[in-house]
Amino acid sequence: MPVPKRKKSRALRDSRRATHSVDCPPRSVCPQCHQPKLPHRVCPECGYYKGKEVIDTE
């Protein structure tokens, strides 16, 4: 089994891991009720999607 010949520096290790961070999903604002929602999904507060009522929330 291959083994590294030299120890990698902390800078090389950390620069490789720089892309491993976890970001929260992007948010958009519902044009009907102005609440934050996930893009391309029905608003959970008012039930509208693209200006039409898709689900009844009441």
Protein backbone atom coordinates (compact mmCIF):
# COMPACT_ATOMS: atom_id res chain seq x y z
CA MET A 1 0.00 0.00 0.00
CA PRO A 2 1.48 3.39 -0.96
CA VAL A 3 2.51 5.73 1.83
CA PRO A 4 3.39 9.44 1.44
CA LYS A 5 7.13 10.08 1.53
CA ARG A 6 6.87 13.55 3.11
CA LYS A 7 4.39 15.14 5.49
CA LYS A 8 2.04 17.63 3.82
CA SER A 9 2.21 21.12 5.30
CA ARG A 10 -0.70 22.65 7.17
CA ALA A 11 -1.14 25.19 4.36
CA LEU A 12 -1.58 22.48 1.72
CA ARG A 13 -3.92 20.50 3.95
CA ASP A 14 -6.06 23.52 4.85
CA SER A 15 -6.23 24.85 1.29
CA ARG A 16 -7.56 21.47 0.17
CA ARG A 17 -10.18 21.54 2.91
CA ALA A 18 -11.23 25.12 2.14
CA THR A 19 -14.04 23.87 -0.13
CA HIS A 20 -15.49 21.50 2.48
CA SER A 21 -17.54 24.14 4.26
CA VAL A 22 -21.32 23.75 4.46
CA ASP A 23 -23.48 26.68 3.41
CA CYS A 24 -27.14 27.23 4.15
CA PRO A 25 -29.47 26.95 1.12
CA PRO A 26 -30.28 30.20 -0.69
CA ARG A 27 -33.47 32.00 0.29
CA SER A 28 -35.81 34.12 -1.78
CA VAL A 29 -38.78 36.25 -0.77
CA CYS A 30 -42.37 35.28 -1.58
CA PRO A 31 -43.98 38.05 -3.69
CA GLN A 32 -47.39 37.41 -2.07
CA CYS A 33 -46.67 37.36 1.67
CA HIS A 34 -43.01 38.57 1.67
CA GLN A 35 -41.83 35.66 3.82
CA PRO A 36 -38.52 33.85 3.12
CA LYS A 37 -38.88 30.62 1.13
CA LEU A 38 -36.74 28.22 -0.85
CA PRO A 39 -36.51 29.11 -4.56
CA HIS A 40 -38.63 27.14 -7.06
CA ARG A 41 -40.91 25.83 -4.31
CA VAL A 42 -44.40 26.61 -3.04
CA CYS A 43 -44.45 29.14 -0.21
CA PRO A 44 -45.29 27.28 3.01
CA GLU A 45 -46.92 30.38 4.51
CA CYS A 46 -49.45 31.38 1.82
CA GLY A 47 -49.41 28.38 -0.56
CA TYR A 48 -48.69 30.42 -3.71
CA TYR A 49 -46.29 29.54 -6.52
CA LYS A 50 -45.73 31.83 -9.55
CA GLY A 51 -48.73 33.97 -8.64
CA LYS A 52 -51.20 31.08 -8.40
CA GLU A 53 -52.57 29.42 -5.28
CA VAL A 54 -51.33 25.82 -5.40
CA ILE A 55 -52.21 24.56 -1.94
CA ASP A 56 -54.84 25.72 0.52
CA THR A 57 -53.16 26.77 3.76
CA GLU A 58 -56.32 27.54 5.70
